[in-house]
Amino acid sequence: MTLRELHERIAASAPVHWRVLPPGPGWPGHPAHPEGADPAEGGAGHTHRAVLRSDVDLVLAWGWRESERDYFEPWLGNLGRMTEVRADRIVLDVLWAGSLVDRLLGLAFQEFLLPFPRSRQPRVKGLPDRYFARDEAEAWRLVHELAFPDGVAFDRVVHRSGLRVE
């Protein structure tokens, strides 16, 4: 199994193909949780986990805060009132057969999850161009829908953010 094949399998799936696991031992807040455990060593810092029903070797874990500092950029004002929009930088881990094979950085705010945007300088003077990769978008779309099944649709959040998918 290649990394590309894993991302294609994630992109081709829907929330009904996944089982979101309930919190238990090893989860933050549980009495058996070892404080300070590295999320790469089994995902102890993640708040959510899901396993692909047709292949339990593929697991997604997300919610571990990559940084204690809030993330803020002017484009976040498109998602809410400017003074209230502070997003957490979180990690989405892709595990295959118990091994960490990919780690994606994203943003969490109230009821949305987005890939962490990349930027490049525009050809003309102005604000940097913000975008994220399509393969990352598909993984974040899935976990957004798993985490907030009755929330705002991922495509609507992306549209409101002003970010582009490439």
C-alpha atoms as a PDB file:
ATOM      1  CA  MET A   1       0.000   0.000   0.000  1.00  0.00           C
ATOM      2  CA  THR A   2       1.461   3.360  -1.014  1.00  0.00           C
ATOM      3  CA  LEU A   3       0.742   6.703   0.611  1.00  0.00           C
ATOM      4  CA  ARG A   4      -1.084   7.841  -2.534  1.00  0.00           C
ATOM      5  CA  GLU A   5      -3.289   4.727  -2.414  1.00  0.00           C
ATOM      6  CA  LEU A   6      -4.144   5.444   1.232  1.00  0.00           C
ATOM      7  CA  HIS A   7      -5.149   9.016   0.396  1.00  0.00           C
ATOM      8  CA  GLU A   8      -7.221   7.767  -2.563  1.00  0.00           C
ATOM      9  CA  ARG A   9      -8.958   5.255  -0.292  1.00  0.00           C
ATOM     10  CA  ILE A  10      -9.745   8.026   2.214  1.00  0.00           C
ATOM     11  CA  ALA A  11     -11.012  10.341  -0.556  1.00  0.00           C
ATOM     12  CA  ALA A  12     -13.255   7.612  -1.997  1.00  0.00           C
ATOM     13  CA  SER A  13     -14.886   6.898   1.355  1.00  0.00           C
ATOM     14  CA  ALA A  14     -17.831   8.548   3.075  1.00  0.00           C
ATOM     15  CA  PRO A  15     -18.614   8.941   6.776  1.00  0.00           C
ATOM     16  CA  VAL A  16     -20.829   5.803   6.696  1.00  0.00           C
ATOM     17  CA  HIS A  17     -17.738   3.742   5.815  1.00  0.00           C
ATOM     18  CA  TRP A  18     -16.044   4.700   9.089  1.00  0.00           C
ATOM     19  CA  ARG A  19     -16.656   3.838  12.728  1.00  0.00           C
ATOM     20  CA  VAL A  20     -15.888   6.680  15.123  1.00  0.00           C
ATOM     21  CA  LEU A  21     -14.488   5.082  18.255  1.00  0.00           C
ATOM     22  CA  PRO A  22     -15.832   6.166  21.633  1.00  0.00           C
ATOM     23  CA  PRO A  23     -13.355   7.559  24.188  1.00  0.00           C
ATOM     24  CA  GLY A  24     -11.679   4.968  26.374  1.00  0.00           C
ATOM     25  CA  PRO A  25      -8.328   4.027  27.921  1.00  0.00           C
ATOM     26  CA  GLY A  26      -5.487   5.987  26.381  1.00  0.00           C
ATOM     27  CA  TRP A  27      -7.674   9.000  25.613  1.00  0.00           C
ATOM     28  CA  PRO A  28      -7.138  12.422  27.197  1.00  0.00           C
ATOM     29  CA  GLY A  29      -9.274  12.804  30.284  1.00  0.00           C
ATOM     30  CA  HIS A  30      -9.490   9.059  30.918  1.00  0.00           C
ATOM     31  CA  PRO A  31      -7.909   7.847  34.207  1.00  0.00           C
ATOM     32  CA  ALA A  32      -5.610   5.472  32.296  1.00  0.00           C
ATOM     33  CA  HIS A  33      -4.303   8.252  30.028  1.00  0.00           C
ATOM     34  CA  PRO A  34      -0.542   8.708  30.469  1.00  0.00           C
ATOM     35  CA  GLU A  35       0.039  12.453  30.701  1.00  0.00           C
ATOM     36  CA  GLY A  36       2.506  13.779  28.164  1.00  0.00           C
ATOM     37  CA  ALA A  37       2.262  10.730  25.877  1.00  0.00           C
ATOM     38  CA  ASP A  38       3.391  11.318  22.310  1.00  0.00           C
ATOM     39  CA  PRO A  39       0.454  11.089  19.853  1.00  0.00           C
ATOM     40  CA  ALA A  40       2.760   9.319  17.379  1.00  0.00           C
ATOM     41  CA  GLU A  41       3.029   6.506  19.922  1.00  0.00           C
ATOM     42  CA  GLY A  42      -0.564   5.379  19.511  1.00  0.00           C
ATOM     43  CA  GLY A  43      -2.359   8.725  19.229  1.00  0.00           C
ATOM     44  CA  ALA A  44      -2.864   9.332  22.963  1.00  0.00           C
ATOM     45  CA  GLY A  45      -3.174  13.095  22.432  1.00  0.00           C
ATOM     46  CA  HIS A  46      -6.011  12.889  19.912  1.00  0.00           C
ATOM     47  CA  THR A  47      -9.604  13.530  20.900  1.00  0.00           C
ATOM     48  CA  HIS A  48     -11.172  11.603  17.980  1.00  0.00           C
ATOM     49  CA  ARG A  49     -10.412   8.334  16.202  1.00  0.00           C
ATOM     50  CA  ALA A  50     -12.123   6.486  13.383  1.00  0.00           C
ATOM     51  CA  VAL A  51     -11.452   3.145  11.735  1.00  0.00           C
ATOM     52  CA  LEU A  52     -12.394   2.155   8.191  1.00  0.00           C
ATOM     53  CA  ARG A  53     -15.061  -0.541   8.511  1.00  0.00           C
ATOM     54  CA  SER A  54     -13.886  -2.518   5.450  1.00  0.00           C
ATOM     55  CA  ASP A  55     -10.200  -2.436   6.439  1.00  0.00           C
ATOM     56  CA  VAL A  56      -9.362  -1.960  10.121  1.00  0.00           C
ATOM     57  CA  ASP A  57      -5.698  -1.378   9.242  1.00  0.00           C
ATOM     58  CA  LEU A  58      -6.620   2.188   8.200  1.00  0.00           C
ATOM     59  CA  VAL A  59      -7.217   4.525  11.154  1.00  0.00           C
ATOM     60  CA  LEU A  60      -7.622   8.306  11.331  1.00  0.00           C
ATOM     61  CA  ALA A  61      -6.888  10.153  14.574  1.00  0.00           C
ATOM     62  CA  TRP A  62      -7.385  13.894  14.978  1.00  0.00           C
ATOM     63  CA  GLY A  63      -7.742  16.639  17.547  1.00  0.00           C
ATOM     64  CA  TRP A  64      -4.272  16.748  19.126  1.00  0.00           C
ATOM     65  CA  ARG A  65      -3.242  20.416  19.436  1.00  0.00           C
ATOM     66  CA  GLU A  66      -0.017  20.988  17.548  1.00  0.00           C
ATOM     67  CA  SER A  67       0.552  24.285  19.313  1.00  0.00           C
ATOM     68  CA  GLU A  68      -0.787  25.863  22.487  1.00  0.00           C
ATOM     69  CA  ARG A  69      -0.923  29.229  20.712  1.00  0.00           C
ATOM     70  CA  ASP A  70      -4.098  30.228  18.917  1.00  0.00           C
ATOM     71  CA  TYR A  71      -3.855  30.723  15.167  1.00  0.00           C
ATOM     72  CA  PHE A  72      -5.155  33.982  13.764  1.00  0.00           C
ATOM     73  CA  GLU A  73      -5.081  35.456  10.270  1.00  0.00           C
ATOM     74  CA  PRO A  74      -7.400  38.077   8.719  1.00  0.00           C
ATOM     75  CA  TRP A  75      -9.070  35.525   6.390  1.00  0.00           C
ATOM     76  CA  LEU A  76     -10.525  33.773   9.459  1.00  0.00           C
ATOM     77  CA  GLY A  77     -12.824  36.786   9.836  1.00  0.00           C
ATOM     78  CA  ASN A  78     -14.802  35.351   6.901  1.00  0.00           C
ATOM     79  CA  LEU A  79     -15.930  32.517   9.209  1.00  0.00           C
ATOM     80  CA  GLY A  80     -17.187  34.613  12.105  1.00  0.00           C
ATOM     81  CA  ARG A  81     -16.821  37.923  13.871  1.00  0.00           C
ATOM     82  CA  MET A  82     -13.203  39.018  13.598  1.00  0.00           C
ATOM     83  CA  THR A  83     -12.682  39.495  17.335  1.00  0.00           C
ATOM     84  CA  GLU A  84     -13.919  35.994  18.157  1.00  0.00           C
ATOM     85  CA  VAL A  85     -12.111  33.914  15.538  1.00  0.00           C
ATOM     86  CA  ARG A  86      -9.167  32.113  17.053  1.00  0.00           C
ATOM     87  CA  ALA A  87      -8.468  28.679  15.659  1.00  0.00           C
ATOM     88  CA  ASP A  88      -6.507  25.794  17.147  1.00  0.00           C
ATOM     89  CA  ARG A  89      -3.728  24.222  15.111  1.00  0.00           C
ATOM     90  CA  ILE A  90      -4.509  20.495  15.223  1.00  0.00           C
ATOM     91  CA  VAL A  91      -3.047  17.338  13.738  1.00  0.00           C
ATOM     92  CA  LEU A  92      -4.718  14.632  11.637  1.00  0.00           C
ATOM     93  CA  ASP A  93      -2.746  11.389  11.753  1.00  0.00           C
ATOM     94  CA  VAL A  94      -3.180   8.623   9.195  1.00  0.00           C
ATOM     95  CA  LEU A  95      -2.234   5.249  10.651  1.00  0.00           C
ATOM     96  CA  TRP A  96      -1.795   2.058   8.658  1.00  0.00           C
ATOM     97  CA  ALA A  97      -1.485  -1.266  10.500  1.00  0.00           C
ATOM     98  CA  GLY A  98      -0.728   0.628  13.706  1.00  0.00           C
ATOM     99  CA  SER A  99       2.068   2.756  12.222  1.00  0.00           C
ATOM    100  CA  LEU A 100       1.932   6.492  11.680  1.00  0.00           C
ATOM    101  CA  VAL A 101       2.298   6.999   7.926  1.00  0.00           C
ATOM    102  CA  ASP A 102       1.144  10.597   7.413  1.00  0.00           C
ATOM    103  CA  ARG A 103       0.524  13.667   9.541  1.00  0.00           C
ATOM    104  CA  LEU A 104      -1.547  16.588   8.262  1.00  0.00           C
ATOM    105  CA  LEU A 105      -1.766  19.961   9.960  1.00  0.00           C
ATOM    106  CA  GLY A 106      -5.156  21.650  10.152  1.00  0.00           C
ATOM    107  CA  LEU A 107      -7.298  24.222  11.926  1.00  0.00           C
ATOM    108  CA  ALA A 108     -10.227  23.691  14.279  1.00  0.00           C
ATOM    109  CA  PHE A 109     -12.678  26.399  15.290  1.00  0.00           C
ATOM    110  CA  GLN A 110     -16.048  25.800  16.965  1.00  0.00           C
ATOM    111  CA  GLU A 111     -17.742  23.597  14.372  1.00  0.00           C
ATOM    112  CA  PHE A 112     -15.340  23.402  11.471  1.00  0.00           C
ATOM    113  CA  LEU A 113     -12.120  21.674  10.501  1.00  0.00           C
ATOM    114  CA  LEU A 114      -9.911  22.865   7.643  1.00  0.00           C
ATOM    115  CA  PRO A 115      -6.484  21.933   6.296  1.00  0.00           C
ATOM    116  CA  PHE A 116      -3.767  24.362   7.340  1.00  0.00           C
ATOM    117  CA  PRO A 117      -3.440  26.833   4.443  1.00  0.00           C
ATOM    118  CA  ARG A 118      -0.285  27.309   2.447  1.00  0.00           C
ATOM    119  CA  SER A 119       0.592  30.714   1.076  1.00  0.00           C
ATOM    120  CA  ARG A 120       2.542  32.236  -1.764  1.00  0.00           C
ATOM    121  CA  GLN A 121       3.254  35.794  -2.674  1.00  0.00           C
ATOM    122  CA  PRO A 122       0.894  37.203  -5.310  1.00  0.00           C
ATOM    123  CA  ARG A 123       2.145  38.443  -8.654  1.00  0.00           C
ATOM    124  CA  VAL A 124       0.856  41.905  -7.842  1.00  0.00           C
ATOM    125  CA  LYS A 125       1.150  43.712  -4.545  1.00  0.00           C
ATOM    126  CA  GLY A 126      -1.360  42.635  -1.943  1.00  0.00           C
ATOM    127  CA  LEU A 127      -2.168  39.892   0.501  1.00  0.00           C
ATOM    128  CA  PRO A 128      -0.562  36.471   0.018  1.00  0.00           C
ATOM    129  CA  ASP A 129      -2.530  33.892  -1.929  1.00  0.00           C
ATOM    130  CA  ARG A 130      -3.928  31.212   0.455  1.00  0.00           C
ATOM    131  CA  TYR A 131      -4.698  27.660  -0.682  1.00  0.00           C
ATOM    132  CA  PHE A 132      -4.480  24.011   0.334  1.00  0.00           C
ATOM    133  CA  ALA A 133      -3.793  20.800  -1.572  1.00  0.00           C
ATOM    134  CA  ARG A 134      -6.697  18.712  -2.891  1.00  0.00           C
ATOM    135  CA  ASP A 135      -5.453  15.446  -1.325  1.00  0.00           C
ATOM    136  CA  GLU A 136      -5.326  17.136   2.092  1.00  0.00           C
ATOM    137  CA  ALA A 137      -8.773  18.640   1.512  1.00  0.00           C
ATOM    138  CA  GLU A 138     -10.358  15.213   1.009  1.00  0.00           C
ATOM    139  CA  ALA A 139      -8.981  13.851   4.292  1.00  0.00           C
ATOM    140  CA  TRP A 140     -10.070  16.975   6.194  1.00  0.00           C
ATOM    141  CA  ARG A 141     -13.496  16.872   4.500  1.00  0.00           C
ATOM    142  CA  LEU A 142     -13.987  13.358   5.830  1.00  0.00           C
ATOM    143  CA  VAL A 143     -12.975  14.137   9.424  1.00  0.00           C
ATOM    144  CA  HIS A 144     -15.028  17.369   9.347  1.00  0.00           C
ATOM    145  CA  GLU A 145     -18.091  15.314   8.390  1.00  0.00           C
ATOM    146  CA  LEU A 146     -17.273  12.641  11.006  1.00  0.00           C
ATOM    147  CA  ALA A 147     -16.788  15.223  13.775  1.00  0.00           C
ATOM    148  CA  PHE A 148     -19.758  17.457  12.846  1.00  0.00           C
ATOM    149  CA  PRO A 149     -22.327  15.274  11.039  1.00  0.00           C
ATOM    150  CA  ASP A 150     -25.099  17.847  11.482  1.00  0.00           C
ATOM    151  CA  GLY A 151     -22.889  20.928  11.101  1.00  0.00           C
ATOM    152  CA  VAL A 152     -22.120  23.251   8.224  1.00  0.00           C
ATOM    153  CA  ALA A 153     -20.990  21.389   5.087  1.00  0.00           C
ATOM    154  CA  PHE A 154     -17.231  21.346   4.446  1.00  0.00           C
ATOM    155  CA  ASP A 155     -17.616  22.926   0.982  1.00  0.00           C
ATOM    156  CA  ARG A 156     -19.562  25.816   2.500  1.00  0.00           C
ATOM    157  CA  VAL A 157     -16.872  26.391   5.135  1.00  0.00           C
ATOM    158  CA  VAL A 158     -14.174  26.384   2.434  1.00  0.00           C
ATOM    159  CA  HIS A 159     -16.207  28.823   0.319  1.00  0.00           C
ATOM    160  CA  ARG A 160     -16.784  31.173   3.263  1.00  0.00           C
ATOM    161  CA  SER A 161     -13.084  31.040   4.225  1.00  0.00           C
ATOM    162  CA  GLY A 162     -11.991  32.304   0.816  1.00  0.00           C
ATOM    163  CA  LEU A 163      -9.314  29.606   0.583  1.00  0.00           C
ATOM    164  CA  ARG A 164      -8.726  27.848  -2.715  1.00  0.00           C
ATOM    165  CA  VAL A 165      -8.292  24.118  -3.280  1.00  0.00           C
ATOM    166  CA  GLU A 166      -5.562  23.187  -5.765  1.00  0.00           C
END
